[in-house]
PDB file of N, CA and C in Angstrom:
ATOM      1  N   MET A   1     -24.453 168.192 -21.345  1.00  0.00           N
ATOM      2  CA  MET A   1     -25.658 168.398 -22.129  1.00  0.00           C
ATOM      3  C   MET A   1     -25.710 167.318 -23.204  1.00  0.00           C
ATOM      4  N   GLN A   2     -26.846 166.729 -23.310  1.00  0.00           N
ATOM      5  CA  GLN A   2     -27.097 165.727 -24.342  1.00  0.00           C
ATOM      6  C   GLN A   2     -27.203 166.443 -25.729  1.00  0.00           C
ATOM      7  N   THR A   3     -26.337 165.983 -26.643  1.00  0.00           N
ATOM      8  CA  THR A   3     -26.409 166.655 -27.980  1.00  0.00           C
ATOM      9  C   THR A   3     -26.631 165.658 -29.052  1.00  0.00           C
ATOM     10  N   LYS A   4     -26.931 164.381 -28.675  1.00  0.00           N
ATOM     11  CA  LYS A   4     -27.140 163.378 -29.698  1.00  0.00           C
ATOM     12  C   LYS A   4     -28.555 163.335 -30.175  1.00  0.00           C
ATOM     13  N   LEU A   5     -28.802 162.781 -31.345  1.00  0.00           N
ATOM     14  CA  LEU A   5     -30.160 162.635 -31.916  1.00  0.00           C
ATOM     15  C   LEU A   5     -30.818 161.384 -31.361  1.00  0.00           C
ATOM     16  N   PHE A   6     -32.104 161.411 -31.168  1.00  0.00           N
ATOM     17  CA  PHE A   6     -32.790 160.199 -30.733  1.00  0.00           C
ATOM     18  C   PHE A   6     -33.582 159.654 -31.936  1.00  0.00           C
ATOM     19  N   ILE A   7     -33.022 158.602 -32.506  1.00  0.00           N
ATOM     20  CA  ILE A   7     -33.642 158.049 -33.790  1.00  0.00           C
ATOM     21  C   ILE A   7     -33.858 156.544 -33.521  1.00  0.00           C
ATOM     22  N   ASN A   8     -35.113 156.118 -33.726  1.00  0.00           N
ATOM     23  CA  ASN A   8     -35.422 154.678 -33.639  1.00  0.00           C
ATOM     24  C   ASN A   8     -35.004 154.122 -32.281  1.00  0.00           C
ATOM     25  N   GLY A   9     -35.218 154.848 -31.236  1.00  0.00           N
ATOM     26  CA  GLY A   9     -35.026 154.290 -29.867  1.00  0.00           C
ATOM     27  C   GLY A   9     -33.492 154.390 -29.450  1.00  0.00           C
ATOM     28  N   GLU A  10     -32.668 155.044 -30.153  1.00  0.00           N
ATOM     29  CA  GLU A  10     -31.238 155.087 -29.733  1.00  0.00           C
ATOM     30  C   GLU A  10     -30.705 156.523 -29.897  1.00  0.00           C
ATOM     31  N   PHE A  11     -29.768 156.904 -29.102  1.00  0.00           N
ATOM     32  CA  PHE A  11     -29.053 158.169 -29.201  1.00  0.00           C
ATOM     33  C   PHE A  11     -27.898 157.948 -30.182  1.00  0.00           C
ATOM     34  N   ILE A  12     -27.790 158.812 -31.214  1.00  0.00           N
ATOM     35  CA  ILE A  12     -26.682 158.739 -32.168  1.00  0.00           C
ATOM     36  C   ILE A  12     -26.208 160.166 -32.461  1.00  0.00           C
ATOM     37  N   SER A  13     -24.942 160.235 -32.827  1.00  0.00           N
ATOM     38  CA  SER A  13     -24.388 161.494 -33.186  1.00  0.00           C
ATOM     39  C   SER A  13     -24.893 161.991 -34.531  1.00  0.00           C
ATOM     40  N   GLY A  14     -25.161 163.254 -34.722  1.00  0.00           N
ATOM     41  CA  GLY A  14     -25.498 163.777 -35.970  1.00  0.00           C
ATOM     42  C   GLY A  14     -24.372 163.718 -36.945  1.00  0.00           C
ATOM     43  N   GLU A  15     -24.735 163.513 -38.207  1.00  0.00           N
ATOM     44  CA  GLU A  15     -23.709 163.479 -39.271  1.00  0.00           C
ATOM     45  C   GLU A  15     -23.788 164.652 -40.213  1.00  0.00           C
ATOM     46  N   GLY A  16     -24.608 165.610 -39.944  1.00  0.00           N
ATOM     47  CA  GLY A  16     -24.730 166.832 -40.763  1.00  0.00           C
ATOM     48  C   GLY A  16     -23.800 167.891 -40.241  1.00  0.00           C
ATOM     49  N   ARG A  17     -24.036 169.070 -40.774  1.00  0.00           N
ATOM     50  CA  ARG A  17     -23.159 170.224 -40.402  1.00  0.00           C
ATOM     51  C   ARG A  17     -23.368 170.573 -38.912  1.00  0.00           C
ATOM     52  N   GLU A  18     -22.408 171.252 -38.363  1.00  0.00           N
ATOM     53  CA  GLU A  18     -22.458 171.590 -36.962  1.00  0.00           C
ATOM     54  C   GLU A  18     -23.234 172.925 -36.759  1.00  0.00           C
ATOM     55  N   GLU A  19     -24.048 172.952 -35.755  1.00  0.00           N
ATOM     56  CA  GLU A  19     -24.775 174.216 -35.383  1.00  0.00           C
ATOM     57  C   GLU A  19     -24.088 174.713 -34.107  1.00  0.00           C
ATOM     58  N   VAL A  20     -23.609 175.938 -34.173  1.00  0.00           N
ATOM     59  CA  VAL A  20     -23.004 176.591 -33.026  1.00  0.00           C
ATOM     60  C   VAL A  20     -24.041 177.412 -32.303  1.00  0.00           C
ATOM     61  N   ILE A  21     -24.281 177.104 -30.990  1.00  0.00           N
ATOM     62  CA  ILE A  21     -25.233 177.837 -30.188  1.00  0.00           C
ATOM     63  C   ILE A  21     -24.415 178.807 -29.336  1.00  0.00           C
ATOM     64  N   LEU A  22     -24.732 180.095 -29.514  1.00  0.00           N
ATOM     65  CA  LEU A  22     -23.999 181.190 -28.823  1.00  0.00           C
ATOM     66  C   LEU A  22     -24.749 181.718 -27.610  1.00  0.00           C
ATOM     67  N   ASP A  23     -24.060 182.131 -26.622  1.00  0.00           N
ATOM     68  CA  ASP A  23     -24.614 182.881 -25.516  1.00  0.00           C
ATOM     69  C   ASP A  23     -24.817 184.343 -26.025  1.00  0.00           C
ATOM     70  N   PRO A  24     -26.034 184.877 -26.035  1.00  0.00           N
ATOM     71  CA  PRO A  24     -26.241 186.239 -26.671  1.00  0.00           C
ATOM     72  C   PRO A  24     -25.614 187.275 -25.720  1.00  0.00           C
ATOM     73  N   ALA A  25     -25.410 187.044 -24.480  1.00  0.00           N
ATOM     74  CA  ALA A  25     -24.871 188.029 -23.567  1.00  0.00           C
ATOM     75  C   ALA A  25     -23.301 188.219 -23.812  1.00  0.00           C
ATOM     76  N   THR A  26     -22.641 187.011 -24.116  1.00  0.00           N
ATOM     77  CA  THR A  26     -21.187 187.089 -24.203  1.00  0.00           C
ATOM     78  C   THR A  26     -20.664 186.784 -25.565  1.00  0.00           C
ATOM     79  N   GLY A  27     -21.497 186.177 -26.409  1.00  0.00           N
ATOM     80  CA  GLY A  27     -21.058 185.752 -27.725  1.00  0.00           C
ATOM     81  C   GLY A  27     -20.184 184.454 -27.747  1.00  0.00           C
ATOM     82  N   GLU A  28     -19.979 183.944 -26.483  1.00  0.00           N
ATOM     83  CA  GLU A  28     -19.257 182.699 -26.376  1.00  0.00           C
ATOM     84  C   GLU A  28     -20.118 181.456 -26.771  1.00  0.00           C
ATOM     85  N   THR A  29     -19.471 180.401 -27.262  1.00  0.00           N
ATOM     86  CA  THR A  29     -20.123 179.200 -27.647  1.00  0.00           C
ATOM     87  C   THR A  29     -20.628 178.479 -26.432  1.00  0.00           C
ATOM     88  N   ILE A  30     -21.929 178.161 -26.378  1.00  0.00           N
ATOM     89  CA  ILE A  30     -22.541 177.306 -25.344  1.00  0.00           C
ATOM     90  C   ILE A  30     -22.266 175.843 -25.621  1.00  0.00           C
ATOM     91  N   VAL A  31     -22.579 175.525 -26.929  1.00  0.00           N
ATOM     92  CA  VAL A  31     -22.409 174.128 -27.336  1.00  0.00           C
ATOM     93  C   VAL A  31     -22.385 174.089 -28.841  1.00  0.00           C
ATOM     94  N   THR A  32     -21.807 173.090 -29.408  1.00  0.00           N
ATOM     95  CA  THR A  32     -21.839 172.879 -30.823  1.00  0.00           C
ATOM     96  C   THR A  32     -22.537 171.536 -31.003  1.00  0.00           C
ATOM     97  N   ILE A  33     -23.574 171.563 -31.866  1.00  0.00           N
ATOM     98  CA  ILE A  33     -24.395 170.350 -32.056  1.00  0.00           C
ATOM     99  C   ILE A  33     -24.376 169.932 -33.465  1.00  0.00           C
ATOM    100  N   PRO A  34     -23.969 168.689 -33.731  1.00  0.00           N
ATOM    101  CA  PRO A  34     -23.985 168.235 -35.082  1.00  0.00           C
ATOM    102  C   PRO A  34     -25.459 167.901 -35.507  1.00  0.00           C
ATOM    103  N   GLU A  35     -25.906 168.531 -36.651  1.00  0.00           N
ATOM    104  CA  GLU A  35     -27.221 168.309 -37.037  1.00  0.00           C
ATOM    105  C   GLU A  35     -27.451 166.962 -37.729  1.00  0.00           C
ATOM    106  N   ALA A  36     -28.665 166.532 -38.004  1.00  0.00           N
ATOM    107  CA  ALA A  36     -28.958 165.286 -38.717  1.00  0.00           C
ATOM    108  C   ALA A  36     -28.542 165.477 -40.154  1.00  0.00           C
ATOM    109  N   SER A  37     -28.001 164.343 -40.746  1.00  0.00           N
ATOM    110  CA  SER A  37     -27.818 164.304 -42.212  1.00  0.00           C
ATOM    111  C   SER A  37     -29.141 164.022 -42.903  1.00  0.00           C
ATOM    112  N   PRO A  38     -29.190 164.221 -44.208  1.00  0.00           N
ATOM    113  CA  PRO A  38     -30.475 163.818 -44.875  1.00  0.00           C
ATOM    114  C   PRO A  38     -30.789 162.332 -44.659  1.00  0.00           C
ATOM    115  N   GLU A  39     -29.753 161.460 -44.622  1.00  0.00           N
ATOM    116  CA  GLU A  39     -30.026 160.073 -44.376  1.00  0.00           C
ATOM    117  C   GLU A  39     -30.588 159.776 -43.031  1.00  0.00           C
ATOM    118  N   GLN A  40     -30.091 160.524 -42.025  1.00  0.00           N
ATOM    119  CA  GLN A  40     -30.605 160.382 -40.640  1.00  0.00           C
ATOM    120  C   GLN A  40     -31.998 160.850 -40.532  1.00  0.00           C
ATOM    121  N   ILE A  41     -32.327 161.948 -41.234  1.00  0.00           N
ATOM    122  CA  ILE A  41     -33.662 162.453 -41.230  1.00  0.00           C
ATOM    123  C   ILE A  41     -34.608 161.443 -41.870  1.00  0.00           C
ATOM    124  N   ASN A  42     -34.172 160.783 -42.982  1.00  0.00           N
ATOM    125  CA  ASN A  42     -35.039 159.762 -43.594  1.00  0.00           C
ATOM    126  C   ASN A  42     -35.248 158.613 -42.651  1.00  0.00           C
ATOM    127  N   ARG A  43     -34.185 158.189 -41.912  1.00  0.00           N
ATOM    128  CA  ARG A  43     -34.328 157.128 -40.913  1.00  0.00           C
ATOM    129  C   ARG A  43     -35.291 157.509 -39.835  1.00  0.00           C
ATOM    130  N   ALA A  44     -35.181 158.765 -39.344  1.00  0.00           N
ATOM    131  CA  ALA A  44     -36.058 159.163 -38.278  1.00  0.00           C
ATOM    132  C   ALA A  44     -37.514 159.225 -38.783  1.00  0.00           C
ATOM    133  N   VAL A  45     -37.792 159.714 -39.943  1.00  0.00           N
ATOM    134  CA  VAL A  45     -39.150 159.682 -40.489  1.00  0.00           C
ATOM    135  C   VAL A  45     -39.609 158.289 -40.662  1.00  0.00           C
ATOM    136  N   ALA A  46     -38.821 157.377 -41.161  1.00  0.00           N
ATOM    137  CA  ALA A  46     -39.300 156.057 -41.322  1.00  0.00           C
ATOM    138  C   ALA A  46     -39.554 155.367 -39.939  1.00  0.00           C
ATOM    139  N   GLY A  47     -38.715 155.659 -38.975  1.00  0.00           N
ATOM    140  CA  GLY A  47     -38.910 155.113 -37.663  1.00  0.00           C
ATOM    141  C   GLY A  47     -40.198 155.712 -37.032  1.00  0.00           C
ATOM    142  N   ALA A  48     -40.410 156.958 -37.189  1.00  0.00           N
ATOM    143  CA  ALA A  48     -41.706 157.512 -36.631  1.00  0.00           C
ATOM    144  C   ALA A  48     -42.889 156.982 -37.302  1.00  0.00           C
ATOM    145  N   SER A  49     -42.827 156.705 -38.672  1.00  0.00           N
ATOM    146  CA  SER A  49     -43.931 156.116 -39.345  1.00  0.00           C
ATOM    147  C   SER A  49     -44.216 154.726 -38.819  1.00  0.00           C
ATOM    148  N   ALA A  50     -43.223 153.963 -38.592  1.00  0.00           N
ATOM    149  CA  ALA A  50     -43.378 152.644 -38.048  1.00  0.00           C
ATOM    150  C   ALA A  50     -43.853 152.566 -36.630  1.00  0.00           C
ATOM    151  N   ALA A  51     -43.446 153.547 -35.844  1.00  0.00           N
ATOM    152  CA  ALA A  51     -43.883 153.702 -34.421  1.00  0.00           C
ATOM    153  C   ALA A  51     -45.351 154.095 -34.419  1.00  0.00           C
ATOM    154  N   PHE A  52     -45.850 154.742 -35.393  1.00  0.00           N
ATOM    155  CA  PHE A  52     -47.258 155.212 -35.370  1.00  0.00           C
ATOM    156  C   PHE A  52     -48.234 154.068 -35.256  1.00  0.00           C
ATOM    157  N   VAL A  53     -47.959 152.920 -35.914  1.00  0.00           N
ATOM    158  CA  VAL A  53     -48.902 151.819 -35.801  1.00  0.00           C
ATOM    159  C   VAL A  53     -49.151 151.408 -34.339  1.00  0.00           C
ATOM    160  N   PRO A  54     -48.104 151.031 -33.617  1.00  0.00           N
ATOM    161  CA  PRO A  54     -48.372 150.652 -32.189  1.00  0.00           C
ATOM    162  C   PRO A  54     -48.864 151.823 -31.389  1.00  0.00           C
ATOM    163  N   TRP A  55     -48.380 153.004 -31.597  1.00  0.00           N
ATOM    164  CA  TRP A  55     -48.753 154.163 -30.853  1.00  0.00           C
ATOM    165  C   TRP A  55     -50.259 154.468 -31.031  1.00  0.00           C
ATOM    166  N   SER A  56     -50.731 154.286 -32.222  1.00  0.00           N
ATOM    167  CA  SER A  56     -52.130 154.573 -32.505  1.00  0.00           C
ATOM    168  C   SER A  56     -53.051 153.613 -31.734  1.00  0.00           C
ATOM    169  N   GLY A  57     -52.503 152.472 -31.269  1.00  0.00           N
ATOM    170  CA  GLY A  57     -53.320 151.565 -30.459  1.00  0.00           C
ATOM    171  C   GLY A  57     -53.333 151.785 -29.006  1.00  0.00           C
ATOM    172  N   THR A  58     -52.556 152.789 -28.509  1.00  0.00           N
ATOM    173  CA  THR A  58     -52.547 153.127 -27.078  1.00  0.00           C
ATOM    174  C   THR A  58     -53.840 153.789 -26.693  1.00  0.00           C
ATOM    175  N   THR A  59     -54.226 153.549 -25.445  1.00  0.00           N
ATOM    176  CA  THR A  59     -55.456 154.125 -24.963  1.00  0.00           C
ATOM    177  C   THR A  59     -55.264 155.624 -24.608  1.00  0.00           C
ATOM    178  N   PRO A  60     -56.387 156.347 -24.522  1.00  0.00           N
ATOM    179  CA  PRO A  60     -56.257 157.720 -24.126  1.00  0.00           C
ATOM    180  C   PRO A  60     -55.616 157.843 -22.677  1.00  0.00           C
ATOM    181  N   GLY A  61     -55.958 156.885 -21.843  1.00  0.00           N
ATOM    182  CA  GLY A  61     -55.364 156.888 -20.519  1.00  0.00           C
ATOM    183  C   GLY A  61     -53.827 156.660 -20.494  1.00  0.00           C
ATOM    184  N   ASP A  62     -53.387 155.785 -21.418  1.00  0.00           N
ATOM    185  CA  ASP A  62     -52.025 155.561 -21.479  1.00  0.00           C
ATOM    186  C   ASP A  62     -51.270 156.828 -22.038  1.00  0.00           C
ATOM    187  N   ARG A  63     -51.889 157.460 -22.987  1.00  0.00           N
ATOM    188  CA  ARG A  63     -51.249 158.660 -23.591  1.00  0.00           C
ATOM    189  C   ARG A  63     -51.234 159.755 -22.587  1.00  0.00           C
ATOM    190  N   ALA A  64     -52.310 159.965 -21.807  1.00  0.00           N
ATOM    191  CA  ALA A  64     -52.337 160.936 -20.742  1.00  0.00           C
ATOM    192  C   ALA A  64     -51.272 160.670 -19.754  1.00  0.00           C
ATOM    193  N   GLY A  65     -51.116 159.395 -19.346  1.00  0.00           N
ATOM    194  CA  GLY A  65     -50.157 159.072 -18.362  1.00  0.00           C
ATOM    195  C   GLY A  65     -48.735 159.357 -18.793  1.00  0.00           C
ATOM    196  N   MET A  66     -48.450 159.139 -20.063  1.00  0.00           N
ATOM    197  CA  MET A  66     -47.090 159.461 -20.643  1.00  0.00           C
ATOM    198  C   MET A  66     -46.872 160.995 -20.641  1.00  0.00           C
ATOM    199  N   LEU A  67     -47.932 161.751 -20.997  1.00  0.00           N
ATOM    200  CA  LEU A  67     -47.697 163.185 -21.009  1.00  0.00           C
ATOM    201  C   LEU A  67     -47.518 163.750 -19.627  1.00  0.00           C
ATOM    202  N   LEU A  68     -48.234 163.106 -18.679  1.00  0.00           N
ATOM    203  CA  LEU A  68     -48.089 163.566 -17.248  1.00  0.00           C
ATOM    204  C   LEU A  68     -46.694 163.253 -16.711  1.00  0.00           C
ATOM    205  N   LYS A  69     -46.185 162.033 -17.065  1.00  0.00           N
ATOM    206  CA  LYS A  69     -44.834 161.721 -16.724  1.00  0.00           C
ATOM    207  C   LYS A  69     -43.793 162.729 -17.283  1.00  0.00           C
ATOM    208  N   LEU A  70     -44.021 163.170 -18.490  1.00  0.00           N
ATOM    209  CA  LEU A  70     -43.173 164.155 -19.166  1.00  0.00           C
ATOM    210  C   LEU A  70     -43.223 165.464 -18.435  1.00  0.00           C
ATOM    211  N   ALA A  71     -44.399 165.908 -17.993  1.00  0.00           N
ATOM    212  CA  ALA A  71     -44.528 167.128 -17.298  1.00  0.00           C
ATOM    213  C   ALA A  71     -43.849 167.090 -15.976  1.00  0.00           C
ATOM    214  N   ASP A  72     -43.959 165.872 -15.316  1.00  0.00           N
ATOM    215  CA  ASP A  72     -43.189 165.703 -14.034  1.00  0.00           C
ATOM    216  C   ASP A  72     -41.702 165.788 -14.277  1.00  0.00           C
ATOM    217  N   ARG A  73     -41.166 165.142 -15.346  1.00  0.00           N
ATOM    218  CA  ARG A  73     -39.723 165.251 -15.556  1.00  0.00           C
ATOM    219  C   ARG A  73     -39.271 166.631 -15.873  1.00  0.00           C
ATOM    220  N   ILE A  74     -40.098 167.472 -16.624  1.00  0.00           N
ATOM    221  CA  ILE A  74     -39.743 168.832 -16.942  1.00  0.00           C
ATOM    222  C   ILE A  74     -39.661 169.625 -15.565  1.00  0.00           C
ATOM    223  N   GLU A  75     -40.655 169.352 -14.667  1.00  0.00           N
ATOM    224  CA  GLU A  75     -40.540 170.087 -13.371  1.00  0.00           C
ATOM    225  C   GLU A  75     -39.353 169.592 -12.545  1.00  0.00           C
ATOM    226  N   GLU A  76     -39.043 168.340 -12.580  1.00  0.00           N
ATOM    227  CA  GLU A  76     -37.875 167.800 -11.842  1.00  0.00           C
ATOM    228  C   GLU A  76     -36.553 168.414 -12.357  1.00  0.00           C
ATOM    229  N   SER A  77     -36.532 168.703 -13.662  1.00  0.00           N
ATOM    230  CA  SER A  77     -35.337 169.267 -14.265  1.00  0.00           C
ATOM    231  C   SER A  77     -35.406 170.780 -14.517  1.00  0.00           C
ATOM    232  N   ALA A  78     -36.362 171.441 -13.808  1.00  0.00           N
ATOM    233  CA  ALA A  78     -36.610 172.822 -14.079  1.00  0.00           C
ATOM    234  C   ALA A  78     -35.388 173.723 -13.983  1.00  0.00           C
ATOM    235  N   GLU A  79     -34.539 173.472 -12.991  1.00  0.00           N
ATOM    236  CA  GLU A  79     -33.414 174.411 -12.833  1.00  0.00           C
ATOM    237  C   GLU A  79     -32.398 174.223 -13.989  1.00  0.00           C
ATOM    238  N   THR A  80     -32.183 173.043 -14.447  1.00  0.00           N
ATOM    239  CA  THR A  80     -31.357 172.768 -15.625  1.00  0.00           C
ATOM    240  C   THR A  80     -31.896 173.427 -16.879  1.00  0.00           C
ATOM    241  N   PHE A  81     -33.221 173.201 -17.104  1.00  0.00           N
ATOM    242  CA  PHE A  81     -33.889 173.744 -18.299  1.00  0.00           C
ATOM    243  C   PHE A  81     -33.868 175.312 -18.200  1.00  0.00           C
ATOM    244  N   ALA A  82     -34.102 175.860 -17.058  1.00  0.00           N
ATOM    245  CA  ALA A  82     -34.069 177.308 -16.913  1.00  0.00           C
ATOM    246  C   ALA A  82     -32.700 177.919 -17.151  1.00  0.00           C
ATOM    247  N   ARG A  83     -31.682 177.201 -16.694  1.00  0.00           N
ATOM    248  CA  ARG A  83     -30.244 177.681 -16.897  1.00  0.00           C
ATOM    249  C   ARG A  83     -30.022 177.609 -18.408  1.00  0.00           C
ATOM    250  N   PHE A  84     -30.350 176.632 -19.117  1.00  0.00           N
ATOM    251  CA  PHE A  84     -30.110 176.507 -20.545  1.00  0.00           C
ATOM    252  C   PHE A  84     -30.935 177.605 -21.258  1.00  0.00           C
ATOM    253  N   GLU A  85     -32.160 177.794 -20.884  1.00  0.00           N
ATOM    254  CA  GLU A  85     -33.032 178.801 -21.555  1.00  0.00           C
ATOM    255  C   GLU A  85     -32.490 180.179 -21.325  1.00  0.00           C
ATOM    256  N   SER A  86     -32.017 180.497 -20.107  1.00  0.00           N
ATOM    257  CA  SER A  86     -31.448 181.776 -19.811  1.00  0.00           C
ATOM    258  C   SER A  86     -30.203 182.074 -20.559  1.00  0.00           C
ATOM    259  N   GLN A  87     -29.380 181.109 -20.631  1.00  0.00           N
ATOM    260  CA  GLN A  87     -28.066 181.184 -21.319  1.00  0.00           C
ATOM    261  C   GLN A  87     -28.309 181.305 -22.891  1.00  0.00           C
ATOM    262  N   ASN A  88     -29.230 180.487 -23.367  1.00  0.00           N
ATOM    263  CA  ASN A  88     -29.516 180.472 -24.820  1.00  0.00           C
ATOM    264  C   ASN A  88     -30.178 181.730 -25.313  1.00  0.00           C
ATOM    265  N   CYS A  89     -31.115 182.192 -24.578  1.00  0.00           N
ATOM    266  CA  CYS A  89     -31.954 183.359 -25.008  1.00  0.00           C
ATOM    267  C   CYS A  89     -31.660 184.735 -24.316  1.00  0.00           C
ATOM    268  N   GLY A  90     -30.877 184.659 -23.261  1.00  0.00           N
ATOM    269  CA  GLY A  90     -30.577 185.881 -22.564  1.00  0.00           C
ATOM    270  C   GLY A  90     -31.642 186.346 -21.606  1.00  0.00           C
ATOM    271  N   LYS A  91     -32.698 185.499 -21.391  1.00  0.00           N
ATOM    272  CA  LYS A  91     -33.746 185.743 -20.460  1.00  0.00           C
ATOM    273  C   LYS A  91     -33.205 185.657 -19.024  1.00  0.00           C
ATOM    274  N   PRO A  92     -33.607 186.520 -18.109  1.00  0.00           N
ATOM    275  CA  PRO A  92     -33.121 186.281 -16.728  1.00  0.00           C
ATOM    276  C   PRO A  92     -33.578 184.886 -16.238  1.00  0.00           C
ATOM    277  N   TYR A  93     -32.579 184.242 -15.440  1.00  0.00           N
ATOM    278  CA  TYR A  93     -32.761 182.903 -15.027  1.00  0.00           C
ATOM    279  C   TYR A  93     -34.080 182.780 -14.164  1.00  0.00           C
ATOM    280  N   SER A  94     -34.296 183.743 -13.296  1.00  0.00           N
ATOM    281  CA  SER A  94     -35.513 183.683 -12.452  1.00  0.00           C
ATOM    282  C   SER A  94     -36.835 183.642 -13.250  1.00  0.00           C
ATOM    283  N   LEU A  95     -36.873 184.432 -14.335  1.00  0.00           N
ATOM    284  CA  LEU A  95     -38.059 184.420 -15.179  1.00  0.00           C
ATOM    285  C   LEU A  95     -38.178 183.139 -15.925  1.00  0.00           C
ATOM    286  N   ALA A  96     -37.102 182.632 -16.430  1.00  0.00           N
ATOM    287  CA  ALA A  96     -37.150 181.306 -17.077  1.00  0.00           C
ATOM    288  C   ALA A  96     -37.673 180.204 -16.148  1.00  0.00           C
ATOM    289  N   LEU A  97     -37.157 180.214 -14.900  1.00  0.00           N
ATOM    290  CA  LEU A  97     -37.493 179.263 -13.901  1.00  0.00           C
ATOM    291  C   LEU A  97     -38.909 179.372 -13.408  1.00  0.00           C
ATOM    292  N   GLU A  98     -39.388 180.650 -13.233  1.00  0.00           N
ATOM    293  CA  GLU A  98     -40.653 180.853 -12.677  1.00  0.00           C
ATOM    294  C   GLU A  98     -41.800 181.013 -13.675  1.00  0.00           C
ATOM    295  N   ASP A  99     -41.433 181.408 -14.886  1.00  0.00           N
ATOM    296  CA  ASP A  99     -42.506 181.653 -15.934  1.00  0.00           C
ATOM    297  C   ASP A  99     -42.430 180.590 -17.050  1.00  0.00           C
ATOM    298  N   GLU A 100     -41.349 180.418 -17.606  1.00  0.00           N
ATOM    299  CA  GLU A 100     -41.249 179.507 -18.844  1.00  0.00           C
ATOM    300  C   GLU A 100     -41.446 178.135 -18.523  1.00  0.00           C
ATOM    301  N   ILE A 101     -40.673 177.557 -17.630  1.00  0.00           N
ATOM    302  CA  ILE A 101     -40.662 176.130 -17.338  1.00  0.00           C
ATOM    303  C   ILE A 101     -42.029 175.690 -16.769  1.00  0.00           C
ATOM    304  N   PRO A 102     -42.646 176.377 -15.847  1.00  0.00           N
ATOM    305  CA  PRO A 102     -43.983 175.937 -15.363  1.00  0.00           C
ATOM    306  C   PRO A 102     -45.014 176.005 -16.515  1.00  0.00           C
ATOM    307  N   ALA A 103     -44.890 176.951 -17.437  1.00  0.00           N
ATOM    308  CA  ALA A 103     -45.800 177.011 -18.520  1.00  0.00           C
ATOM    309  C   ALA A 103     -45.684 175.814 -19.493  1.00  0.00           C
ATOM    310  N   VAL A 104     -44.398 175.374 -19.727  1.00  0.00           N
ATOM    311  CA  VAL A 104     -44.191 174.229 -20.576  1.00  0.00           C
ATOM    312  C   VAL A 104     -44.783 172.986 -19.942  1.00  0.00           C
ATOM    313  N   ALA A 105     -44.569 172.753 -18.654  1.00  0.00           N
ATOM    314  CA  ALA A 105     -45.144 171.604 -17.958  1.00  0.00           C
ATOM    315  C   ALA A 105     -46.631 171.659 -17.967  1.00  0.00           C
ATOM    316  N   ASP A 106     -47.181 172.858 -17.825  1.00  0.00           N
ATOM    317  CA  ASP A 106     -48.602 173.033 -17.864  1.00  0.00           C
ATOM    318  C   ASP A 106     -49.237 172.646 -19.197  1.00  0.00           C
ATOM    319  N   CYS A 107     -48.563 172.960 -20.286  1.00  0.00           N
ATOM    320  CA  CYS A 107     -49.016 172.548 -21.589  1.00  0.00           C
ATOM    321  C   CYS A 107     -49.176 171.026 -21.728  1.00  0.00           C
ATOM    322  N   PHE A 108     -48.196 170.331 -21.201  1.00  0.00           N
ATOM    323  CA  PHE A 108     -48.291 168.838 -21.283  1.00  0.00           C
ATOM    324  C   PHE A 108     -49.374 168.329 -20.416  1.00  0.00           C
ATOM    325  N   ARG A 109     -49.544 168.979 -19.208  1.00  0.00           N
ATOM    326  CA  ARG A 109     -50.715 168.557 -18.337  1.00  0.00           C
ATOM    327  C   ARG A 109     -52.061 168.868 -19.052  1.00  0.00           C
ATOM    328  N   PHE A 110     -52.131 170.024 -19.731  1.00  0.00           N
ATOM    329  CA  PHE A 110     -53.382 170.365 -20.418  1.00  0.00           C
ATOM    330  C   PHE A 110     -53.719 169.304 -21.501  1.00  0.00           C
ATOM    331  N   PHE A 111     -52.673 168.997 -22.302  1.00  0.00           N
ATOM    332  CA  PHE A 111     -52.968 168.019 -23.308  1.00  0.00           C
ATOM    333  C   PHE A 111     -53.121 166.618 -22.815  1.00  0.00           C
ATOM    334  N   ALA A 112     -52.588 166.230 -21.677  1.00  0.00           N
ATOM    335  CA  ALA A 112     -52.883 165.013 -21.029  1.00  0.00           C
ATOM    336  C   ALA A 112     -54.384 164.908 -20.720  1.00  0.00           C
ATOM    337  N   GLY A 113     -54.914 166.022 -20.156  1.00  0.00           N
ATOM    338  CA  GLY A 113     -56.362 166.087 -19.893  1.00  0.00           C
ATOM    339  C   GLY A 113     -57.184 165.958 -21.149  1.00  0.00           C
ATOM    340  N   ALA A 114     -56.741 166.663 -22.168  1.00  0.00           N
ATOM    341  CA  ALA A 114     -57.457 166.575 -23.479  1.00  0.00           C
ATOM    342  C   ALA A 114     -57.386 165.155 -24.062  1.00  0.00           C
ATOM    343  N   ALA A 115     -56.301 164.451 -23.884  1.00  0.00           N
ATOM    344  CA  ALA A 115     -56.137 163.107 -24.424  1.00  0.00           C
ATOM    345  C   ALA A 115     -57.152 162.156 -23.680  1.00  0.00           C
ATOM    346  N   ARG A 116     -57.475 162.431 -22.425  1.00  0.00           N
ATOM    347  CA  ARG A 116     -58.416 161.607 -21.712  1.00  0.00           C
ATOM    348  C   ARG A 116     -59.754 161.707 -22.252  1.00  0.00           C
TER     349      ARG A 116
END
């Protein structure tokens, strides 16, 4: 499982306190994730602000295409996401796979249409 932060185009380890994610059914640790430090948060905000300038120049078609690619990737990884969602929230795997994940992908497809 990827647990690094994505800041300014690269994955880096968090330097803040660790967040322990527990399986609600067993109480066992699923993963421990280092959170961002205040400095990392500031770098992420600065990077997002800098990225806004070129992003604001993308066309609606380009934006829609990116959102559609994201929806496709969510569907391609549906089983992995459903397993994590089930384990993290205690929701039955079949419901996460058949209800949650398709709804998430559908939101991205909806907003891709809205962006057009």
